[in-house]
Amino acid sequence: MAIALRLSRGGAKKRPYYRIVAADERAPRDGKYLEQVGIYNPLLAKDDEGRVKLNEDRIRYWLGVGAQPSDRVLRFLDAAGIKKREARNNPNKAKPGEKANDRAEERAEKAAAAKEAEEEAKNAPAPEAPVEEAAAETPAEAPAEEVKTEEAAPEAPAEEAKEEKSED
């Protein structure tokens, strides 16, 4: 018979409360167990000392007779200094999925096409006529603006004239 140190769920719906138990590994999660060796209340704050309570001497006994802790229980045991938990390395965890890779490739292709178009625009000889036209348009626009400001100036005396008439 293989023994496991694991969590057994209790509590109400959306209000979990766990017992840390030594149980036959073939038994159901919340079924019959050999001994309760601690509790875990995930609703309490992480720094609360009542969040995880362990019966260290009984845990050491069960580990001594060959009980295997679940990953979560092993984390608790490591935090309490009872048993060392080796850090795991999952190199595939951080890799993006297939669709994300496809989207990244499409973005790279679009960026490369935009860069090529930009380089072609820089390398292509600039036509001289449009440059001259642009230079010619700029001075023509400036006098038009001056005319507009001159038109605004005569309006001010007209308003003064209206005010003088109303005073009479």
C-alpha atoms as a PDB file:
ATOM      1  CA  MET A   1       0.000   0.000   0.000  1.00  0.00           C
ATOM      2  CA  ALA A   2       1.482   3.363  -1.100  1.00  0.00           C
ATOM      3  CA  ILE A   3       0.837   6.319   1.185  1.00  0.00           C
ATOM      4  CA  ALA A   4       0.394   9.901  -0.028  1.00  0.00           C
ATOM      5  CA  LEU A   5       0.443  13.149   1.936  1.00  0.00           C
ATOM      6  CA  ARG A   6      -2.125  15.274   0.168  1.00  0.00           C
ATOM      7  CA  LEU A   7      -4.976  17.739   0.539  1.00  0.00           C
ATOM      8  CA  SER A   8      -8.538  16.653   1.241  1.00  0.00           C
ATOM      9  CA  ARG A   9     -11.116  19.345   0.472  1.00  0.00           C
ATOM     10  CA  GLY A  10     -13.826  20.393   2.846  1.00  0.00           C
ATOM     11  CA  GLY A  11     -15.831  23.558   3.411  1.00  0.00           C
ATOM     12  CA  ALA A  12     -18.723  25.038   1.499  1.00  0.00           C
ATOM     13  CA  LYS A  13     -19.079  26.024  -2.130  1.00  0.00           C
ATOM     14  CA  LYS A  14     -16.563  28.782  -2.966  1.00  0.00           C
ATOM     15  CA  ARG A  15     -15.267  28.585   0.634  1.00  0.00           C
ATOM     16  CA  PRO A  16     -12.571  25.885   0.467  1.00  0.00           C
ATOM     17  CA  TYR A  17     -10.902  24.434   3.522  1.00  0.00           C
ATOM     18  CA  TYR A  18      -8.359  21.638   3.287  1.00  0.00           C
ATOM     19  CA  ARG A  19      -7.077  18.939   5.589  1.00  0.00           C
ATOM     20  CA  ILE A  20      -3.545  17.714   5.001  1.00  0.00           C
ATOM     21  CA  VAL A  21      -3.890  13.954   5.314  1.00  0.00           C
ATOM     22  CA  ALA A  22      -1.944  10.742   5.017  1.00  0.00           C
ATOM     23  CA  ALA A  23      -4.039   8.477   2.807  1.00  0.00           C
ATOM     24  CA  ASP A  24      -3.792   5.499   0.508  1.00  0.00           C
ATOM     25  CA  GLU A  25      -2.968   6.946  -2.904  1.00  0.00           C
ATOM     26  CA  ARG A  26      -5.785   4.915  -4.491  1.00  0.00           C
ATOM     27  CA  ALA A  27      -8.447   6.390  -2.168  1.00  0.00           C
ATOM     28  CA  PRO A  28     -10.668   9.252  -3.417  1.00  0.00           C
ATOM     29  CA  ARG A  29      -9.465  12.789  -2.752  1.00  0.00           C
ATOM     30  CA  ASP A  30     -12.095  13.518  -0.110  1.00  0.00           C
ATOM     31  CA  GLY A  31     -12.526   9.899   0.943  1.00  0.00           C
ATOM     32  CA  LYS A  32     -11.179   7.801   3.795  1.00  0.00           C
ATOM     33  CA  TYR A  33      -7.717   8.697   5.098  1.00  0.00           C
ATOM     34  CA  LEU A  34      -5.326   7.215   7.633  1.00  0.00           C
ATOM     35  CA  GLU A  35      -4.495  10.326   9.640  1.00  0.00           C
ATOM     36  CA  GLN A  36      -4.914  14.101   9.499  1.00  0.00           C
ATOM     37  CA  VAL A  37      -1.509  15.764   9.805  1.00  0.00           C
ATOM     38  CA  GLY A  38      -2.366  19.427   9.201  1.00  0.00           C
ATOM     39  CA  ILE A  39      -4.770  22.010   7.813  1.00  0.00           C
ATOM     40  CA  TYR A  40      -4.694  24.610   5.044  1.00  0.00           C
ATOM     41  CA  ASN A  41      -7.109  27.535   4.814  1.00  0.00           C
ATOM     42  CA  PRO A  42      -6.543  29.388   1.494  1.00  0.00           C
ATOM     43  CA  LEU A  43      -9.008  32.141   2.441  1.00  0.00           C
ATOM     44  CA  LEU A  44      -6.628  33.573   5.034  1.00  0.00           C
ATOM     45  CA  ALA A  45      -3.901  36.056   4.114  1.00  0.00           C
ATOM     46  CA  LYS A  46      -0.592  34.595   2.964  1.00  0.00           C
ATOM     47  CA  ASP A  47       1.257  36.009   5.962  1.00  0.00           C
ATOM     48  CA  ASP A  48      -1.338  34.728   8.474  1.00  0.00           C
ATOM     49  CA  GLU A  49       0.100  32.003  10.687  1.00  0.00           C
ATOM     50  CA  GLY A  50      -3.247  30.155  10.736  1.00  0.00           C
ATOM     51  CA  ARG A  51      -3.194  29.636   6.957  1.00  0.00           C
ATOM     52  CA  VAL A  52      -1.109  26.437   7.172  1.00  0.00           C
ATOM     53  CA  LYS A  53      -0.772  24.373  10.341  1.00  0.00           C
ATOM     54  CA  LEU A  54       1.339  21.210  10.315  1.00  0.00           C
ATOM     55  CA  ASN A  55       1.874  18.406  12.834  1.00  0.00           C
ATOM     56  CA  GLU A  56       5.612  18.126  12.111  1.00  0.00           C
ATOM     57  CA  ASP A  57       6.406  14.976  14.094  1.00  0.00           C
ATOM     58  CA  ARG A  58       3.593  12.974  12.433  1.00  0.00           C
ATOM     59  CA  ILE A  59       4.592  14.286   8.993  1.00  0.00           C
ATOM     60  CA  ARG A  60       8.182  13.203   9.632  1.00  0.00           C
ATOM     61  CA  TYR A  61       6.897   9.772  10.680  1.00  0.00           C
ATOM     62  CA  TRP A  62       4.864   9.339   7.471  1.00  0.00           C
ATOM     63  CA  LEU A  63       7.775  10.536   5.338  1.00  0.00           C
ATOM     64  CA  GLY A  64       9.980   8.024   7.188  1.00  0.00           C
ATOM     65  CA  VAL A  65       7.708   5.115   6.248  1.00  0.00           C
ATOM     66  CA  GLY A  66       7.712   6.122   2.578  1.00  0.00           C
ATOM     67  CA  ALA A  67       4.784   8.513   2.130  1.00  0.00           C
ATOM     68  CA  GLN A  68       5.045  10.708  -0.967  1.00  0.00           C
ATOM     69  CA  PRO A  69       3.776  14.303  -0.618  1.00  0.00           C
ATOM     70  CA  SER A  70       1.778  15.943  -3.408  1.00  0.00           C
ATOM     71  CA  ASP A  71       3.313  19.002  -5.040  1.00  0.00           C
ATOM     72  CA  ARG A  72       1.224  21.462  -3.003  1.00  0.00           C
ATOM     73  CA  VAL A  73       1.936  19.680   0.282  1.00  0.00           C
ATOM     74  CA  LEU A  74       5.626  19.544  -0.628  1.00  0.00           C
ATOM     75  CA  ARG A  75       5.550  23.333  -0.994  1.00  0.00           C
ATOM     76  CA  PHE A  76       4.162  23.620   2.532  1.00  0.00           C
ATOM     77  CA  LEU A  77       6.789  21.203   3.851  1.00  0.00           C
ATOM     78  CA  ASP A  78       9.559  23.163   2.144  1.00  0.00           C
ATOM     79  CA  ALA A  79       8.294  26.438   3.668  1.00  0.00           C
ATOM     80  CA  ALA A  80       8.261  24.788   7.107  1.00  0.00           C
ATOM     81  CA  GLY A  81      11.765  23.346   6.596  1.00  0.00           C
ATOM     82  CA  ILE A  82      10.662  19.705   6.867  1.00  0.00           C
ATOM     83  CA  LYS A  83      11.563  18.510   3.372  1.00  0.00           C
ATOM     84  CA  LYS A  84      13.474  20.247   0.585  1.00  0.00           C
ATOM     85  CA  ARG A  85      11.599  20.880  -2.669  1.00  0.00           C
ATOM     86  CA  GLU A  86      13.706  21.049  -5.804  1.00  0.00           C
ATOM     87  CA  ALA A  87      12.900  23.883  -8.174  1.00  0.00           C
ATOM     88  CA  ARG A  88      11.302  22.681 -11.382  1.00  0.00           C
ATOM     89  CA  ASN A  89      12.151  23.912 -14.837  1.00  0.00           C
ATOM     90  CA  ASN A  90       9.570  23.874 -17.596  1.00  0.00           C
ATOM     91  CA  PRO A  91      11.231  25.495 -20.612  1.00  0.00           C
ATOM     92  CA  ASN A  92       8.083  25.132 -22.747  1.00  0.00           C
ATOM     93  CA  LYS A  93       5.932  27.133 -20.320  1.00  0.00           C
ATOM     94  CA  ALA A  94       7.128  30.518 -21.545  1.00  0.00           C
ATOM     95  CA  LYS A  95       7.001  29.670 -25.247  1.00  0.00           C
ATOM     96  CA  PRO A  96       4.128  31.227 -27.188  1.00  0.00           C
ATOM     97  CA  GLY A  97       1.548  29.005 -28.843  1.00  0.00           C
ATOM     98  CA  GLU A  98       1.202  28.162 -32.519  1.00  0.00           C
ATOM     99  CA  LYS A  99      -1.263  30.966 -33.310  1.00  0.00           C
ATOM    100  CA  ALA A 100       0.910  33.542 -31.559  1.00  0.00           C
ATOM    101  CA  ASN A 101       3.887  32.400 -33.638  1.00  0.00           C
ATOM    102  CA  ASP A 102       1.811  32.770 -36.823  1.00  0.00           C
ATOM    103  CA  ARG A 103       0.779  36.308 -35.847  1.00  0.00           C
ATOM    104  CA  ALA A 104       4.399  37.217 -35.054  1.00  0.00           C
ATOM    105  CA  GLU A 105       5.521  35.932 -38.472  1.00  0.00           C
ATOM    106  CA  GLU A 106       2.813  37.972 -40.217  1.00  0.00           C
ATOM    107  CA  ARG A 107       3.875  41.113 -38.320  1.00  0.00           C
ATOM    108  CA  ALA A 108       7.510  40.493 -39.248  1.00  0.00           C
ATOM    109  CA  GLU A 109       6.582  40.105 -42.936  1.00  0.00           C
ATOM    110  CA  LYS A 110       4.542  43.334 -42.895  1.00  0.00           C
ATOM    111  CA  ALA A 111       7.383  45.205 -41.155  1.00  0.00           C
ATOM    112  CA  ALA A 112       9.902  43.897 -43.704  1.00  0.00           C
ATOM    113  CA  ALA A 113       7.639  44.957 -46.592  1.00  0.00           C
ATOM    114  CA  ALA A 114       7.191  48.426 -45.072  1.00  0.00           C
ATOM    115  CA  LYS A 115      10.937  48.765 -44.578  1.00  0.00           C
ATOM    116  CA  GLU A 116      11.607  47.748 -48.201  1.00  0.00           C
ATOM    117  CA  ALA A 117       9.059  50.287 -49.441  1.00  0.00           C
ATOM    118  CA  GLU A 118      10.668  52.979 -47.302  1.00  0.00           C
ATOM    119  CA  GLU A 119      14.138  52.144 -48.633  1.00  0.00           C
ATOM    120  CA  GLU A 120      12.833  52.203 -52.218  1.00  0.00           C
ATOM    121  CA  ALA A 121      11.336  55.621 -51.588  1.00  0.00           C
ATOM    122  CA  LYS A 122      14.684  56.897 -50.251  1.00  0.00           C
ATOM    123  CA  ASN A 123      16.720  55.342 -53.079  1.00  0.00           C
ATOM    124  CA  ALA A 124      14.372  56.450 -55.864  1.00  0.00           C
ATOM    125  CA  PRO A 125      15.444  59.733 -57.536  1.00  0.00           C
ATOM    126  CA  ALA A 126      13.165  62.502 -56.384  1.00  0.00           C
ATOM    127  CA  PRO A 127      11.398  64.282 -59.268  1.00  0.00           C
ATOM    128  CA  GLU A 128      12.558  67.916 -59.418  1.00  0.00           C
ATOM    129  CA  ALA A 129       9.307  69.414 -60.712  1.00  0.00           C
ATOM    130  CA  PRO A 130       7.205  68.584 -57.631  1.00  0.00           C
ATOM    131  CA  VAL A 131       9.911  70.075 -55.411  1.00  0.00           C
ATOM    132  CA  GLU A 132       9.800  73.357 -57.370  1.00  0.00           C
ATOM    133  CA  GLU A 133       6.013  73.385 -57.297  1.00  0.00           C
ATOM    134  CA  ALA A 134       6.059  72.894 -53.552  1.00  0.00           C
ATOM    135  CA  ALA A 135       8.487  75.810 -53.209  1.00  0.00           C
ATOM    136  CA  ALA A 136       6.290  77.966 -55.446  1.00  0.00           C
ATOM    137  CA  GLU A 137       3.163  77.138 -53.472  1.00  0.00           C
ATOM    138  CA  THR A 138       4.670  78.177 -50.172  1.00  0.00           C
ATOM    139  CA  PRO A 139       5.238  81.870 -51.104  1.00  0.00           C
ATOM    140  CA  ALA A 140       1.843  82.054 -52.778  1.00  0.00           C
ATOM    141  CA  GLU A 141       0.177  80.956 -49.596  1.00  0.00           C
ATOM    142  CA  ALA A 142       1.970  83.539 -47.488  1.00  0.00           C
ATOM    143  CA  PRO A 143       0.502  86.601 -49.298  1.00  0.00           C
ATOM    144  CA  ALA A 144      -2.952  85.054 -49.087  1.00  0.00           C
ATOM    145  CA  GLU A 145      -2.608  84.968 -45.331  1.00  0.00           C
ATOM    146  CA  GLU A 146      -1.480  88.595 -45.308  1.00  0.00           C
ATOM    147  CA  VAL A 147      -4.557  89.543 -47.303  1.00  0.00           C
ATOM    148  CA  LYS A 148      -6.746  87.817 -44.778  1.00  0.00           C
ATOM    149  CA  THR A 149      -5.160  89.788 -41.941  1.00  0.00           C
ATOM    150  CA  GLU A 150      -5.675  93.031 -43.866  1.00  0.00           C
ATOM    151  CA  GLU A 151      -9.321  92.167 -44.341  1.00  0.00           C
ATOM    152  CA  ALA A 152      -9.686  91.616 -40.643  1.00  0.00           C
ATOM    153  CA  ALA A 153      -8.231  95.048 -39.878  1.00  0.00           C
ATOM    154  CA  PRO A 154     -10.883  97.073 -41.762  1.00  0.00           C
ATOM    155  CA  GLU A 155     -13.632  95.233 -39.931  1.00  0.00           C
ATOM    156  CA  ALA A 156     -12.488  96.662 -36.637  1.00  0.00           C
ATOM    157  CA  PRO A 157     -13.030 100.327 -37.748  1.00  0.00           C
ATOM    158  CA  ALA A 158     -16.442  99.374 -39.107  1.00  0.00           C
ATOM    159  CA  GLU A 159     -17.396  98.092 -35.686  1.00  0.00           C
ATOM    160  CA  GLU A 160     -16.133 101.335 -34.136  1.00  0.00           C
ATOM    161  CA  ALA A 161     -18.273 103.292 -36.589  1.00  0.00           C
ATOM    162  CA  LYS A 162     -21.334 101.317 -35.565  1.00  0.00           C
ATOM    163  CA  GLU A 163     -20.594 102.080 -31.917  1.00  0.00           C
ATOM    164  CA  GLU A 164     -20.258 105.802 -32.674  1.00  0.00           C
ATOM    165  CA  LYS A 165     -23.652 105.811 -34.415  1.00  0.00           C
ATOM    166  CA  SER A 166     -25.293 104.158 -31.467  1.00  0.00           C
ATOM    167  CA  GLU A 167     -23.872 106.807 -29.134  1.00  0.00           C
ATOM    168  CA  ASP A 168     -25.450 109.635 -31.194  1.00  0.00           C
END
